[in-house]
Amino acid sequence: EEVEQKKRKREELAQLKERAAEILRAEAEQRFKELMAKQTTLDGFVASGPEDEASKATSSGAKAAAAGGDPPSKKGSKGGKRGPKGKPAADKQLKQDKVTNQQILQKAQELQQEDLFK
């Protein structure tokens, strides 16, 4: 019976480690995507460079003002579903995943400690 218990704990530990690895992989992938998006934005900014006066005159705001209308609204430029405090709702899920990840790692460490003492 004791042997069975040890086997079960080892299997549970293996599953927890696998789950933790999946979460860490997902977090790393998410971070990589965010960094690549920032890099693309920076590349675009550098490539376009500072606008000269002629190109500024053709911007949509200037066109609307020349036509006597209101400049285009800035509303809705944040995009995506946003949670409280204006942060994307996805951040909340990521935080929850981090919490469960920490719990999993903690449980895995506890099981390892138990194995060491037996």
C-alpha atoms as a PDB file:
ATOM      1  CA  GLU A   1       0.000   0.000   0.000  1.00  0.00           C
ATOM      2  CA  GLU A   2       2.854   2.359   0.853  1.00  0.00           C
ATOM      3  CA  VAL A   3       4.475   1.580  -2.501  1.00  0.00           C
ATOM      4  CA  GLU A   4       1.198   2.419  -4.277  1.00  0.00           C
ATOM      5  CA  GLN A   5       1.036   5.710  -2.399  1.00  0.00           C
ATOM      6  CA  LYS A   6       4.569   6.584  -3.484  1.00  0.00           C
ATOM      7  CA  LYS A   7       3.718   5.709  -7.092  1.00  0.00           C
ATOM      8  CA  ARG A   8       0.638   7.941  -6.985  1.00  0.00           C
ATOM      9  CA  LYS A   9       2.657  10.818  -5.536  1.00  0.00           C
ATOM     10  CA  ARG A  10       5.321  10.419  -8.207  1.00  0.00           C
ATOM     11  CA  GLU A  11       2.660  10.450 -10.937  1.00  0.00           C
ATOM     12  CA  GLU A  12       1.031  13.512  -9.395  1.00  0.00           C
ATOM     13  CA  LEU A  13       4.405  15.215  -9.192  1.00  0.00           C
ATOM     14  CA  ALA A  14       5.114  14.420 -12.842  1.00  0.00           C
ATOM     15  CA  GLN A  15       1.728  15.860 -13.867  1.00  0.00           C
ATOM     16  CA  LEU A  16       2.321  18.995 -11.808  1.00  0.00           C
ATOM     17  CA  LYS A  17       5.757  19.481 -13.346  1.00  0.00           C
ATOM     18  CA  GLU A  18       4.279  19.054 -16.825  1.00  0.00           C
ATOM     19  CA  ARG A  19       1.514  21.583 -16.082  1.00  0.00           C
ATOM     20  CA  ALA A  20       4.054  24.048 -14.664  1.00  0.00           C
ATOM     21  CA  ALA A  21       6.211  23.666 -17.777  1.00  0.00           C
ATOM     22  CA  GLU A  22       3.169  24.309 -20.000  1.00  0.00           C
ATOM     23  CA  ILE A  23       2.294  27.481 -18.093  1.00  0.00           C
ATOM     24  CA  LEU A  24       5.874  28.757 -18.191  1.00  0.00           C
ATOM     25  CA  ARG A  25       6.052  28.019 -21.908  1.00  0.00           C
ATOM     26  CA  ALA A  26       2.775  29.894 -22.500  1.00  0.00           C
ATOM     27  CA  GLU A  27       3.984  32.875 -20.434  1.00  0.00           C
ATOM     28  CA  ALA A  28       7.271  32.989 -22.332  1.00  0.00           C
ATOM     29  CA  GLU A  29       5.433  32.786 -25.660  1.00  0.00           C
ATOM     30  CA  GLN A  30       3.060  35.607 -24.618  1.00  0.00           C
ATOM     31  CA  ARG A  31       5.980  37.781 -23.509  1.00  0.00           C
ATOM     32  CA  PHE A  32       7.803  37.088 -26.776  1.00  0.00           C
ATOM     33  CA  LYS A  33       4.728  38.118 -28.800  1.00  0.00           C
ATOM     34  CA  GLU A  34       4.405  41.344 -26.774  1.00  0.00           C
ATOM     35  CA  LEU A  35       8.073  42.173 -27.302  1.00  0.00           C
ATOM     36  CA  MET A  36       7.829  41.443 -31.033  1.00  0.00           C
ATOM     37  CA  ALA A  37       4.758  43.701 -31.294  1.00  0.00           C
ATOM     38  CA  LYS A  38       6.669  46.501 -29.539  1.00  0.00           C
ATOM     39  CA  GLN A  39       9.678  45.926 -31.787  1.00  0.00           C
ATOM     40  CA  THR A  40       7.484  46.129 -34.911  1.00  0.00           C
ATOM     41  CA  THR A  41       5.978  49.386 -33.646  1.00  0.00           C
ATOM     42  CA  LEU A  42       9.451  50.784 -32.978  1.00  0.00           C
ATOM     43  CA  ASP A  43      10.671  49.683 -36.412  1.00  0.00           C
ATOM     44  CA  GLY A  44       7.689  51.408 -38.017  1.00  0.00           C
ATOM     45  CA  PHE A  45       8.354  54.576 -36.040  1.00  0.00           C
ATOM     46  CA  VAL A  46      12.035  54.629 -36.972  1.00  0.00           C
ATOM     47  CA  ALA A  47      11.288  53.825 -40.632  1.00  0.00           C
ATOM     48  CA  SER A  48       8.722  56.634 -40.946  1.00  0.00           C
ATOM     49  CA  GLY A  49      10.942  59.132 -39.167  1.00  0.00           C
ATOM     50  CA  PRO A  50       9.807  62.612 -38.210  1.00  0.00           C
ATOM     51  CA  GLU A  51       7.080  63.877 -40.532  1.00  0.00           C
ATOM     52  CA  ASP A  52       7.774  66.919 -42.614  1.00  0.00           C
ATOM     53  CA  GLU A  53       5.289  69.824 -42.757  1.00  0.00           C
ATOM     54  CA  ALA A  54       3.825  68.806 -46.137  1.00  0.00           C
ATOM     55  CA  SER A  55       2.863  65.339 -44.957  1.00  0.00           C
ATOM     56  CA  LYS A  56       1.387  66.741 -41.737  1.00  0.00           C
ATOM     57  CA  ALA A  57      -0.951  68.913 -43.772  1.00  0.00           C
ATOM     58  CA  THR A  58      -2.437  65.800 -45.364  1.00  0.00           C
ATOM     59  CA  SER A  59      -3.181  64.085 -42.045  1.00  0.00           C
ATOM     60  CA  SER A  60      -6.852  63.293 -41.427  1.00  0.00           C
ATOM     61  CA  GLY A  61      -7.175  65.915 -38.679  1.00  0.00           C
ATOM     62  CA  ALA A  62      -5.874  68.663 -40.933  1.00  0.00           C
ATOM     63  CA  LYS A  63      -8.112  67.511 -43.813  1.00  0.00           C
ATOM     64  CA  ALA A  64     -11.184  67.635 -41.562  1.00  0.00           C
ATOM     65  CA  ALA A  65     -10.235  71.052 -40.238  1.00  0.00           C
ATOM     66  CA  ALA A  66      -9.705  72.339 -43.797  1.00  0.00           C
ATOM     67  CA  ALA A  67     -13.129  70.961 -44.759  1.00  0.00           C
ATOM     68  CA  GLY A  68     -14.627  72.718 -41.736  1.00  0.00           C
ATOM     69  CA  GLY A  69     -15.510  69.493 -39.893  1.00  0.00           C
ATOM     70  CA  ASP A  70     -14.425  68.101 -36.551  1.00  0.00           C
ATOM     71  CA  PRO A  71     -11.169  66.150 -36.460  1.00  0.00           C
ATOM     72  CA  PRO A  72     -11.702  62.392 -36.226  1.00  0.00           C
ATOM     73  CA  SER A  73     -12.541  61.107 -32.762  1.00  0.00           C
ATOM     74  CA  LYS A  74      -9.806  59.470 -30.721  1.00  0.00           C
ATOM     75  CA  LYS A  75     -12.325  57.195 -29.013  1.00  0.00           C
ATOM     76  CA  GLY A  76     -11.929  53.460 -29.376  1.00  0.00           C
ATOM     77  CA  SER A  77      -8.220  53.641 -30.066  1.00  0.00           C
ATOM     78  CA  LYS A  78      -7.401  51.403 -27.100  1.00  0.00           C
ATOM     79  CA  GLY A  79      -8.948  48.374 -28.767  1.00  0.00           C
ATOM     80  CA  GLY A  80      -9.652  44.930 -27.379  1.00  0.00           C
ATOM     81  CA  LYS A  81     -11.750  43.908 -24.422  1.00  0.00           C
ATOM     82  CA  ARG A  82     -10.534  45.753 -21.375  1.00  0.00           C
ATOM     83  CA  GLY A  83     -10.971  44.879 -17.754  1.00  0.00           C
ATOM     84  CA  PRO A  84     -11.050  47.160 -14.722  1.00  0.00           C
ATOM     85  CA  LYS A  85      -8.498  49.970 -14.504  1.00  0.00           C
ATOM     86  CA  GLY A  86      -8.167  49.980 -18.296  1.00  0.00           C
ATOM     87  CA  LYS A  87      -5.956  46.927 -18.399  1.00  0.00           C
ATOM     88  CA  PRO A  88      -6.684  44.224 -20.968  1.00  0.00           C
ATOM     89  CA  ALA A  89      -8.827  41.453 -19.547  1.00  0.00           C
ATOM     90  CA  ALA A  90      -6.181  38.956 -20.687  1.00  0.00           C
ATOM     91  CA  ASP A  91      -3.838  40.315 -17.985  1.00  0.00           C
ATOM     92  CA  LYS A  92      -6.286  39.131 -15.340  1.00  0.00           C
ATOM     93  CA  GLN A  93      -6.224  35.600 -16.761  1.00  0.00           C
ATOM     94  CA  LEU A  94      -2.437  35.681 -16.919  1.00  0.00           C
ATOM     95  CA  LYS A  95      -2.306  36.673 -13.231  1.00  0.00           C
ATOM     96  CA  GLN A  96      -4.675  33.825 -12.342  1.00  0.00           C
ATOM     97  CA  ASP A  97      -2.467  31.421 -14.306  1.00  0.00           C
ATOM     98  CA  LYS A  98       0.582  32.710 -12.418  1.00  0.00           C
ATOM     99  CA  VAL A  99      -1.173  32.091  -9.105  1.00  0.00           C
ATOM    100  CA  THR A 100      -2.112  28.530 -10.069  1.00  0.00           C
ATOM    101  CA  ASN A 101       1.406  28.026 -11.420  1.00  0.00           C
ATOM    102  CA  GLN A 102       2.872  29.095  -8.078  1.00  0.00           C
ATOM    103  CA  GLN A 103       0.480  26.757  -6.263  1.00  0.00           C
ATOM    104  CA  ILE A 104       1.481  23.896  -8.553  1.00  0.00           C
ATOM    105  CA  LEU A 105       5.185  24.542  -8.043  1.00  0.00           C
ATOM    106  CA  GLN A 106       4.659  24.774  -4.286  1.00  0.00           C
ATOM    107  CA  LYS A 107       2.772  21.460  -4.246  1.00  0.00           C
ATOM    108  CA  ALA A 108       5.485  19.872  -6.376  1.00  0.00           C
ATOM    109  CA  GLN A 109       8.153  21.045  -3.936  1.00  0.00           C
ATOM    110  CA  GLU A 110       6.153  19.692  -0.995  1.00  0.00           C
ATOM    111  CA  LEU A 111       5.845  16.299  -2.669  1.00  0.00           C
ATOM    112  CA  GLN A 112       9.570  16.285  -3.421  1.00  0.00           C
ATOM    113  CA  GLN A 113      10.317  17.072   0.224  1.00  0.00           C
ATOM    114  CA  GLU A 114       8.092  14.194   1.345  1.00  0.00           C
ATOM    115  CA  ASP A 115       9.910  11.855  -1.040  1.00  0.00           C
ATOM    116  CA  LEU A 116      13.267  12.952   0.368  1.00  0.00           C
ATOM    117  CA  PHE A 117      12.247  12.219   3.937  1.00  0.00           C
ATOM    118  CA  LYS A 118      10.901   8.730   3.198  1.00  0.00           C
END
